[in-house]
Amino acid sequence: MSNKTFDLKQLPIGITELLYSIQNEQEIVITNDNIPVARLTLLNPVAETRLPLEKTPQPGLNLGAMVMSDDFDRPLPDEFWLQNP
């Protein structure tokens, strides 16, 4: 793991670039007047946080499990909007 050090007052890059550097197995040390105040590292490597899928999802396995009525897009009656029974 390589280290990079940046001074807080002269931080040349934004948070996105810092996070990208951390993803590339680097450790970032932020200093304030040459005194270390923060260290950015990965909490968990990305490879360990991904869970392998047991099976690849396949589209179309539950065809016909849900039925939609023919009038599903018909406007609702005024009673519905006015809350009149």
PDB file of N, CA and C in Angstrom:
ATOM      1  N   MET A   1       0.857  -1.175   0.000  1.00  0.00           N
ATOM      2  CA  MET A   1       0.000   0.000   0.000  1.00  0.00           C
ATOM      3  C   MET A   1       0.899   1.232   0.000  1.00  0.00           C
ATOM      4  N   SER A   2       0.625   2.151  -0.916  1.00  0.00           N
ATOM      5  CA  SER A   2       1.430   3.364  -0.986  1.00  0.00           C
ATOM      6  C   SER A   2       0.726   4.505  -0.257  1.00  0.00           C
ATOM      7  N   ASN A   3       1.501   5.466   0.191  1.00  0.00           N
ATOM      8  CA  ASN A   3       0.981   6.615   0.933  1.00  0.00           C
ATOM      9  C   ASN A   3       1.099   7.873   0.102  1.00  0.00           C
ATOM     10  N   LYS A   4       0.104   8.752   0.250  1.00  0.00           N
ATOM     11  CA  LYS A   4       0.174  10.097  -0.295  1.00  0.00           C
ATOM     12  C   LYS A   4      -0.157  11.041   0.837  1.00  0.00           C
ATOM     13  N   THR A   5       0.497  12.188   0.868  1.00  0.00           N
ATOM     14  CA  THR A   5       0.266  13.174   1.917  1.00  0.00           C
ATOM     15  C   THR A   5      -0.156  14.482   1.276  1.00  0.00           C
ATOM     16  N   PHE A   6      -1.224  15.070   1.825  1.00  0.00           N
ATOM     17  CA  PHE A   6      -1.722  16.356   1.350  1.00  0.00           C
ATOM     18  C   PHE A   6      -1.897  17.280   2.541  1.00  0.00           C
ATOM     19  N   ASP A   7      -1.547  18.557   2.364  1.00  0.00           N
ATOM     20  CA  ASP A   7      -1.779  19.555   3.398  1.00  0.00           C
ATOM     21  C   ASP A   7      -3.219  20.039   3.283  1.00  0.00           C
ATOM     22  N   LEU A   8      -3.890  20.181   4.402  1.00  0.00           N
ATOM     23  CA  LEU A   8      -5.299  20.564   4.445  1.00  0.00           C
ATOM     24  C   LEU A   8      -5.545  21.915   3.779  1.00  0.00           C
ATOM     25  N   LYS A   9      -4.628  22.851   3.985  1.00  0.00           N
ATOM     26  CA  LYS A   9      -4.815  24.201   3.440  1.00  0.00           C
ATOM     27  C   LYS A   9      -4.544  24.277   1.940  1.00  0.00           C
ATOM     28  N   GLN A  10      -3.822  23.318   1.409  1.00  0.00           N
ATOM     29  CA  GLN A  10      -3.470  23.336  -0.007  1.00  0.00           C
ATOM     30  C   GLN A  10      -3.881  22.046  -0.693  1.00  0.00           C
ATOM     31  N   LEU A  11      -5.013  21.499  -0.303  1.00  0.00           N
ATOM     32  CA  LEU A  11      -5.489  20.235  -0.871  1.00  0.00           C
ATOM     33  C   LEU A  11      -5.754  20.420  -2.358  1.00  0.00           C
ATOM     34  N   PRO A  12      -4.960  19.764  -3.215  1.00  0.00           N
ATOM     35  CA  PRO A  12      -5.054  20.037  -4.644  1.00  0.00           C
ATOM     36  C   PRO A  12      -6.200  19.311  -5.355  1.00  0.00           C
ATOM     37  N   ILE A  13      -6.801  18.326  -4.705  1.00  0.00           N
ATOM     38  CA  ILE A  13      -7.838  17.544  -5.377  1.00  0.00           C
ATOM     39  C   ILE A  13      -9.083  17.474  -4.508  1.00  0.00           C
ATOM     40  N   GLY A  14     -10.192  17.113  -5.128  1.00  0.00           N
ATOM     41  CA  GLY A  14     -11.460  17.012  -4.418  1.00  0.00           C
ATOM     42  C   GLY A  14     -11.657  15.651  -3.800  1.00  0.00           C
ATOM     43  N   ILE A  15     -12.793  15.492  -3.132  1.00  0.00           N
ATOM     44  CA  ILE A  15     -13.093  14.242  -2.420  1.00  0.00           C
ATOM     45  C   ILE A  15     -13.228  13.062  -3.376  1.00  0.00           C
ATOM     46  N   THR A  16     -13.730  13.318  -4.581  1.00  0.00           N
ATOM     47  CA  THR A  16     -13.873  12.227  -5.548  1.00  0.00           C
ATOM     48  C   THR A  16     -12.523  11.636  -5.896  1.00  0.00           C
ATOM     49  N   GLU A  17     -11.552  12.489  -6.140  1.00  0.00           N
ATOM     50  CA  GLU A  17     -10.215  12.006  -6.471  1.00  0.00           C
ATOM     51  C   GLU A  17      -9.575  11.298  -5.275  1.00  0.00           C
ATOM     52  N   LEU A  18      -9.833  11.808  -4.072  1.00  0.00           N
ATOM     53  CA  LEU A  18      -9.302  11.145  -2.877  1.00  0.00           C
ATOM     54  C   LEU A  18      -9.873   9.738  -2.742  1.00  0.00           C
ATOM     55  N   LEU A  19     -11.181   9.619  -2.931  1.00  0.00           N
ATOM     56  CA  LEU A  19     -11.806   8.300  -2.823  1.00  0.00           C
ATOM     57  C   LEU A  19     -11.324   7.366  -3.921  1.00  0.00           C
ATOM     58  N   TYR A  20     -11.103   7.884  -5.116  1.00  0.00           N
ATOM     59  CA  TYR A  20     -10.576   7.056  -6.197  1.00  0.00           C
ATOM     60  C   TYR A  20      -9.173   6.561  -5.848  1.00  0.00           C
ATOM     61  N   SER A  21      -8.370   7.415  -5.247  1.00  0.00           N
ATOM     62  CA  SER A  21      -7.022   6.999  -4.853  1.00  0.00           C
ATOM     63  C   SER A  21      -7.065   5.900  -3.802  1.00  0.00           C
ATOM     64  N   ILE A  22      -8.022   5.991  -2.894  1.00  0.00           N
ATOM     65  CA  ILE A  22      -8.153   4.956  -1.870  1.00  0.00           C
ATOM     66  C   ILE A  22      -8.542   3.631  -2.509  1.00  0.00           C
ATOM     67  N   GLN A  23      -9.408   3.676  -3.532  1.00  0.00           N
ATOM     68  CA  GLN A  23      -9.818   2.449  -4.222  1.00  0.00           C
ATOM     69  C   GLN A  23      -8.623   1.762  -4.881  1.00  0.00           C
ATOM     70  N   ASN A  24      -7.623   2.533  -5.246  1.00  0.00           N
ATOM     71  CA  ASN A  24      -6.436   1.974  -5.887  1.00  0.00           C
ATOM     72  C   ASN A  24      -5.375   1.559  -4.878  1.00  0.00           C
ATOM     73  N   GLU A  25      -5.805   1.127  -3.702  1.00  0.00           N
ATOM     74  CA  GLU A  25      -4.891   0.587  -2.683  1.00  0.00           C
ATOM     75  C   GLU A  25      -3.889   1.617  -2.174  1.00  0.00           C
ATOM     76  N   GLN A  26      -4.295   2.866  -2.077  1.00  0.00           N
ATOM     77  CA  GLN A  26      -3.419   3.883  -1.522  1.00  0.00           C
ATOM     78  C   GLN A  26      -3.998   4.380  -0.211  1.00  0.00           C
ATOM     79  N   GLU A  27      -3.126   4.873   0.628  1.00  0.00           N
ATOM     80  CA  GLU A  27      -3.536   5.489   1.882  1.00  0.00           C
ATOM     81  C   GLU A  27      -3.258   6.977   1.766  1.00  0.00           C
ATOM     82  N   ILE A  28      -4.213   7.801   2.176  1.00  0.00           N
ATOM     83  CA  ILE A  28      -4.077   9.245   2.090  1.00  0.00           C
ATOM     84  C   ILE A  28      -3.921   9.790   3.507  1.00  0.00           C
ATOM     85  N   VAL A  29      -2.879  10.603   3.726  1.00  0.00           N
ATOM     86  CA  VAL A  29      -2.664  11.270   5.009  1.00  0.00           C
ATOM     87  C   VAL A  29      -2.867  12.759   4.770  1.00  0.00           C
ATOM     88  N   ILE A  30      -3.753  13.379   5.547  1.00  0.00           N
ATOM     89  CA  ILE A  30      -4.003  14.814   5.445  1.00  0.00           C
ATOM     90  C   ILE A  30      -3.360  15.475   6.647  1.00  0.00           C
ATOM     91  N   THR A  31      -2.565  16.503   6.362  1.00  0.00           N
ATOM     92  CA  THR A  31      -1.837  17.190   7.423  1.00  0.00           C
ATOM     93  C   THR A  31      -2.309  18.632   7.535  1.00  0.00           C
ATOM     94  N   ASN A  32      -2.039  19.219   8.684  1.00  0.00           N
ATOM     95  CA  ASN A  32      -2.287  20.631   8.916  1.00  0.00           C
ATOM     96  C   ASN A  32      -0.998  21.207   9.485  1.00  0.00           C
ATOM     97  N   ASP A  33      -0.287  21.978   8.671  1.00  0.00           N
ATOM     98  CA  ASP A  33       1.039  22.495   9.045  1.00  0.00           C
ATOM     99  C   ASP A  33       1.984  21.356   9.429  1.00  0.00           C
ATOM    100  N   ASN A  34       2.046  20.342   8.572  1.00  0.00           N
ATOM    101  CA  ASN A  34       2.918  19.173   8.725  1.00  0.00           C
ATOM    102  C   ASN A  34       2.580  18.296   9.931  1.00  0.00           C
ATOM    103  N   ILE A  35       1.413  18.489  10.540  1.00  0.00           N
ATOM    104  CA  ILE A  35       0.965  17.629  11.632  1.00  0.00           C
ATOM    105  C   ILE A  35      -0.170  16.753  11.083  1.00  0.00           C
ATOM    106  N   PRO A  36      -0.015  15.431  11.088  1.00  0.00           N
ATOM    107  CA  PRO A  36      -1.078  14.565  10.560  1.00  0.00           C
ATOM    108  C   PRO A  36      -2.373  14.731  11.359  1.00  0.00           C
ATOM    109  N   VAL A  37      -3.471  14.966  10.634  1.00  0.00           N
ATOM    110  CA  VAL A  37      -4.770  15.127  11.290  1.00  0.00           C
ATOM    111  C   VAL A  37      -5.777  14.070  10.840  1.00  0.00           C
ATOM    112  N   ALA A  38      -5.552  13.434   9.701  1.00  0.00           N
ATOM    113  CA  ALA A  38      -6.493  12.425   9.223  1.00  0.00           C
ATOM    114  C   ALA A  38      -5.778  11.434   8.321  1.00  0.00           C
ATOM    115  N   ARG A  39      -6.302  10.200   8.320  1.00  0.00           N
ATOM    116  CA  ARG A  39      -5.801   9.166   7.423  1.00  0.00           C
ATOM    117  C   ARG A  39      -6.997   8.504   6.770  1.00  0.00           C
ATOM    118  N   LEU A  40      -7.008   8.472   5.453  1.00  0.00           N
ATOM    119  CA  LEU A  40      -8.094   7.859   4.704  1.00  0.00           C
ATOM    120  C   LEU A  40      -7.630   6.520   4.164  1.00  0.00           C
ATOM    121  N   THR A  41      -8.351   5.462   4.512  1.00  0.00           N
ATOM    122  CA  THR A  41      -8.059   4.127   4.005  1.00  0.00           C
ATOM    123  C   THR A  41      -9.369   3.416   3.730  1.00  0.00           C
ATOM    124  N   LEU A  42      -9.299   2.293   3.049  1.00  0.00           N
ATOM    125  CA  LEU A  42     -10.488   1.476   2.827  1.00  0.00           C
ATOM    126  C   LEU A  42     -10.870   0.774   4.124  1.00  0.00           C
ATOM    127  N   LEU A  43     -12.156   0.770   4.439  1.00  0.00           N
ATOM    128  CA  LEU A  43     -12.608  -0.004   5.594  1.00  0.00           C
ATOM    129  C   LEU A  43     -12.552  -1.489   5.286  1.00  0.00           C
ATOM    130  N   ASN A  44     -13.114  -1.865   4.158  1.00  0.00           N
ATOM    131  CA  ASN A  44     -13.107  -3.254   3.701  1.00  0.00           C
ATOM    132  C   ASN A  44     -12.743  -3.247   2.225  1.00  0.00           C
ATOM    133  N   PRO A  45     -11.846  -4.071   1.816  1.00  0.00           N
ATOM    134  CA  PRO A  45     -11.555  -4.140   0.385  1.00  0.00           C
ATOM    135  C   PRO A  45     -12.819  -4.460  -0.404  1.00  0.00           C
ATOM    136  N   VAL A  46     -12.929  -3.912  -1.585  1.00  0.00           N
ATOM    137  CA  VAL A  46     -14.131  -4.063  -2.403  1.00  0.00           C
ATOM    138  C   VAL A  46     -14.403  -5.527  -2.713  1.00  0.00           C
ATOM    139  N   ALA A  47     -13.375  -6.305  -2.964  1.00  0.00           N
ATOM    140  CA  ALA A  47     -13.571  -7.703  -3.327  1.00  0.00           C
ATOM    141  C   ALA A  47     -14.232  -8.491  -2.197  1.00  0.00           C
ATOM    142  N   GLU A  48     -13.971  -8.155  -0.952  1.00  0.00           N
ATOM    143  CA  GLU A  48     -14.547  -8.891   0.170  1.00  0.00           C
ATOM    144  C   GLU A  48     -16.000  -8.529   0.436  1.00  0.00           C
ATOM    145  N   THR A  49     -16.433  -7.329   0.030  1.00  0.00           N
ATOM    146  CA  THR A  49     -17.794  -6.906   0.323  1.00  0.00           C
ATOM    147  C   THR A  49     -18.804  -7.431  -0.683  1.00  0.00           C
ATOM    148  N   ARG A  50     -18.371  -7.889  -1.831  1.00  0.00           N
ATOM    149  CA  ARG A  50     -19.278  -8.425  -2.838  1.00  0.00           C
ATOM    150  C   ARG A  50     -19.584  -9.879  -2.537  1.00  0.00           C
ATOM    151  N   LEU A  51     -20.858 -10.198  -2.503  1.00  0.00           N
ATOM    152  CA  LEU A  51     -21.262 -11.571  -2.252  1.00  0.00           C
ATOM    153  C   LEU A  51     -21.502 -12.281  -3.580  1.00  0.00           C
ATOM    154  N   PRO A  52     -21.004 -13.473  -3.732  1.00  0.00           N
ATOM    155  CA  PRO A  52     -21.237 -14.185  -4.986  1.00  0.00           C
ATOM    156  C   PRO A  52     -22.703 -14.602  -5.096  1.00  0.00           C
ATOM    157  N   LEU A  53     -23.232 -14.530  -6.294  1.00  0.00           N
ATOM    158  CA  LEU A  53     -24.610 -14.952  -6.526  1.00  0.00           C
ATOM    159  C   LEU A  53     -24.658 -16.468  -6.623  1.00  0.00           C
ATOM    160  N   GLU A  54     -25.679 -17.054  -6.022  1.00  0.00           N
ATOM    161  CA  GLU A  54     -25.834 -18.501  -6.123  1.00  0.00           C
ATOM    162  C   GLU A  54     -26.218 -18.896  -7.544  1.00  0.00           C
ATOM    163  N   LYS A  55     -27.140 -18.128  -8.124  1.00  0.00           N
ATOM    164  CA  LYS A  55     -27.570 -18.387  -9.490  1.00  0.00           C
ATOM    165  C   LYS A  55     -27.703 -17.054 -10.201  1.00  0.00           C
ATOM    166  N   THR A  56     -27.531 -17.076 -11.486  1.00  0.00           N
ATOM    167  CA  THR A  56     -27.763 -15.888 -12.284  1.00  0.00           C
ATOM    168  C   THR A  56     -29.267 -15.750 -12.495  1.00  0.00           C
ATOM    169  N   PRO A  57     -29.850 -14.578 -12.196  1.00  0.00           N
ATOM    170  CA  PRO A  57     -31.287 -14.404 -12.400  1.00  0.00           C
ATOM    171  C   PRO A  57     -31.646 -14.605 -13.873  1.00  0.00           C
ATOM    172  N   GLN A  58     -32.779 -15.267 -14.097  1.00  0.00           N
ATOM    173  CA  GLN A  58     -33.232 -15.525 -15.454  1.00  0.00           C
ATOM    174  C   GLN A  58     -34.595 -14.885 -15.659  1.00  0.00           C
ATOM    175  N   PRO A  59     -34.708 -13.991 -16.638  1.00  0.00           N
ATOM    176  CA  PRO A  59     -35.992 -13.351 -16.886  1.00  0.00           C
ATOM    177  C   PRO A  59     -37.016 -14.349 -17.426  1.00  0.00           C
ATOM    178  N   GLY A  60     -38.268 -14.115 -17.075  1.00  0.00           N
ATOM    179  CA  GLY A  60     -39.363 -14.920 -17.620  1.00  0.00           C
ATOM    180  C   GLY A  60     -39.678 -16.188 -16.857  1.00  0.00           C
ATOM    181  N   LEU A  61     -39.137 -16.377 -15.663  1.00  0.00           N
ATOM    182  CA  LEU A  61     -39.414 -17.612 -14.930  1.00  0.00           C
ATOM    183  C   LEU A  61     -40.813 -17.641 -14.329  1.00  0.00           C
ATOM    184  N   ASN A  62     -41.397 -16.482 -14.042  1.00  0.00           N
ATOM    185  CA  ASN A  62     -42.710 -16.438 -13.390  1.00  0.00           C
ATOM    186  C   ASN A  62     -43.771 -15.832 -14.308  1.00  0.00           C
ATOM    187  N   LEU A  63     -43.715 -16.169 -15.579  1.00  0.00           N
ATOM    188  CA  LEU A  63     -44.710 -15.645 -16.506  1.00  0.00           C
ATOM    189  C   LEU A  63     -46.102 -16.086 -16.069  1.00  0.00           C
ATOM    190  N   GLY A  64     -47.045 -15.132 -16.051  1.00  0.00           N
ATOM    191  CA  GLY A  64     -48.414 -15.442 -15.672  1.00  0.00           C
ATOM    192  C   GLY A  64     -48.657 -15.398 -14.179  1.00  0.00           C
ATOM    193  N   ALA A  65     -47.634 -15.119 -13.377  1.00  0.00           N
ATOM    194  CA  ALA A  65     -47.816 -15.081 -11.929  1.00  0.00           C
ATOM    195  C   ALA A  65     -48.603 -13.842 -11.509  1.00  0.00           C
ATOM    196  N   MET A  66     -48.584 -12.801 -12.325  1.00  0.00           N
ATOM    197  CA  MET A  66     -49.303 -11.579 -12.019  1.00  0.00           C
ATOM    198  C   MET A  66     -50.203 -11.255 -13.210  1.00  0.00           C
ATOM    199  N   VAL A  67     -51.447 -10.904 -12.895  1.00  0.00           N
ATOM    200  CA  VAL A  67     -52.404 -10.583 -13.941  1.00  0.00           C
ATOM    201  C   VAL A  67     -52.874  -9.152 -13.741  1.00  0.00           C
ATOM    202  N   MET A  68     -52.908  -8.376 -14.825  1.00  0.00           N
ATOM    203  CA  MET A  68     -53.352  -6.994 -14.766  1.00  0.00           C
ATOM    204  C   MET A  68     -54.667  -6.887 -15.528  1.00  0.00           C
ATOM    205  N   SER A  69     -55.634  -6.194 -14.935  1.00  0.00           N
ATOM    206  CA  SER A  69     -56.932  -6.072 -15.594  1.00  0.00           C
ATOM    207  C   SER A  69     -56.810  -5.183 -16.834  1.00  0.00           C
ATOM    208  N   ASP A  70     -57.778  -5.336 -17.746  1.00  0.00           N
ATOM    209  CA  ASP A  70     -57.747  -4.574 -18.988  1.00  0.00           C
ATOM    210  C   ASP A  70     -57.976  -3.081 -18.770  1.00  0.00           C
ATOM    211  N   ASP A  71     -58.642  -2.709 -17.677  1.00  0.00           N
ATOM    212  CA  ASP A  71     -58.960  -1.302 -17.451  1.00  0.00           C
ATOM    213  C   ASP A  71     -58.046  -0.655 -16.405  1.00  0.00           C
ATOM    214  N   PHE A  72     -56.845  -1.153 -16.244  1.00  0.00           N
ATOM    215  CA  PHE A  72     -55.958  -0.628 -15.194  1.00  0.00           C
ATOM    216  C   PHE A  72     -55.595   0.838 -15.413  1.00  0.00           C
ATOM    217  N   ASP A  73     -55.621   1.309 -16.652  1.00  0.00           N
ATOM    218  CA  ASP A  73     -55.237   2.697 -16.909  1.00  0.00           C
ATOM    219  C   ASP A  73     -56.439   3.623 -17.123  1.00  0.00           C
ATOM    220  N   ARG A  74     -57.622   3.123 -16.821  1.00  0.00           N
ATOM    221  CA  ARG A  74     -58.822   3.939 -16.943  1.00  0.00           C
ATOM    222  C   ARG A  74     -58.826   4.969 -15.812  1.00  0.00           C
ATOM    223  N   PRO A  75     -59.275   6.210 -16.085  1.00  0.00           N
ATOM    224  CA  PRO A  75     -59.316   7.222 -15.019  1.00  0.00           C
ATOM    225  C   PRO A  75     -60.200   6.778 -13.860  1.00  0.00           C
ATOM    226  N   LEU A  76     -59.809   7.153 -12.668  1.00  0.00           N
ATOM    227  CA  LEU A  76     -60.578   6.813 -11.478  1.00  0.00           C
ATOM    228  C   LEU A  76     -61.802   7.713 -11.381  1.00  0.00           C
ATOM    229  N   PRO A  77     -62.894   7.215 -10.781  1.00  0.00           N
ATOM    230  CA  PRO A  77     -64.107   8.031 -10.668  1.00  0.00           C
ATOM    231  C   PRO A  77     -63.904   9.189  -9.695  1.00  0.00           C
ATOM    232  N   ASP A  78     -64.776  10.205  -9.813  1.00  0.00           N
ATOM    233  CA  ASP A  78     -64.687  11.376  -8.942  1.00  0.00           C
ATOM    234  C   ASP A  78     -64.849  11.003  -7.479  1.00  0.00           C
ATOM    235  N   GLU A  79     -65.605   9.957  -7.189  1.00  0.00           N
ATOM    236  CA  GLU A  79     -65.817   9.540  -5.800  1.00  0.00           C
ATOM    237  C   GLU A  79     -64.488   9.163  -5.128  1.00  0.00           C
ATOM    238  N   PHE A  80     -63.592   8.608  -5.905  1.00  0.00           N
ATOM    239  CA  PHE A  80     -62.301   8.238  -5.360  1.00  0.00           C
ATOM    240  C   PHE A  80     -61.519   9.478  -4.939  1.00  0.00           C
ATOM    241  N   TRP A  81     -61.500  10.498  -5.794  1.00  0.00           N
ATOM    242  CA  TRP A  81     -60.741  11.703  -5.524  1.00  0.00           C
ATOM    243  C   TRP A  81     -61.383  12.571  -4.461  1.00  0.00           C
ATOM    244  N   LEU A  82     -62.699  12.558  -4.395  1.00  0.00           N
ATOM    245  CA  LEU A  82     -63.408  13.400  -3.433  1.00  0.00           C
ATOM    246  C   LEU A  82     -63.647  12.706  -2.099  1.00  0.00           C
ATOM    247  N   GLN A  83     -63.246  11.451  -2.009  1.00  0.00           N
ATOM    248  CA  GLN A  83     -63.420  10.650  -0.794  1.00  0.00           C
ATOM    249  C   GLN A  83     -64.878  10.500  -0.418  1.00  0.00           C
ATOM    250  N   ASN A  84     -65.748  10.432  -1.416  1.00  0.00           N
ATOM    251  CA  ASN A  84     -67.169  10.179  -1.164  1.00  0.00           C
ATOM    252  C   ASN A  84     -67.430   8.701  -1.358  1.00  0.00           C
ATOM    253  N   PRO A  85     -68.096   8.081  -0.406  1.00  0.00           N
ATOM    254  CA  PRO A  85     -68.381   6.640  -0.544  1.00  0.00           C
ATOM    255  C   PRO A  85     -69.456   6.362  -1.550  1.00  0.00           C
TER     256      PRO A  85
END
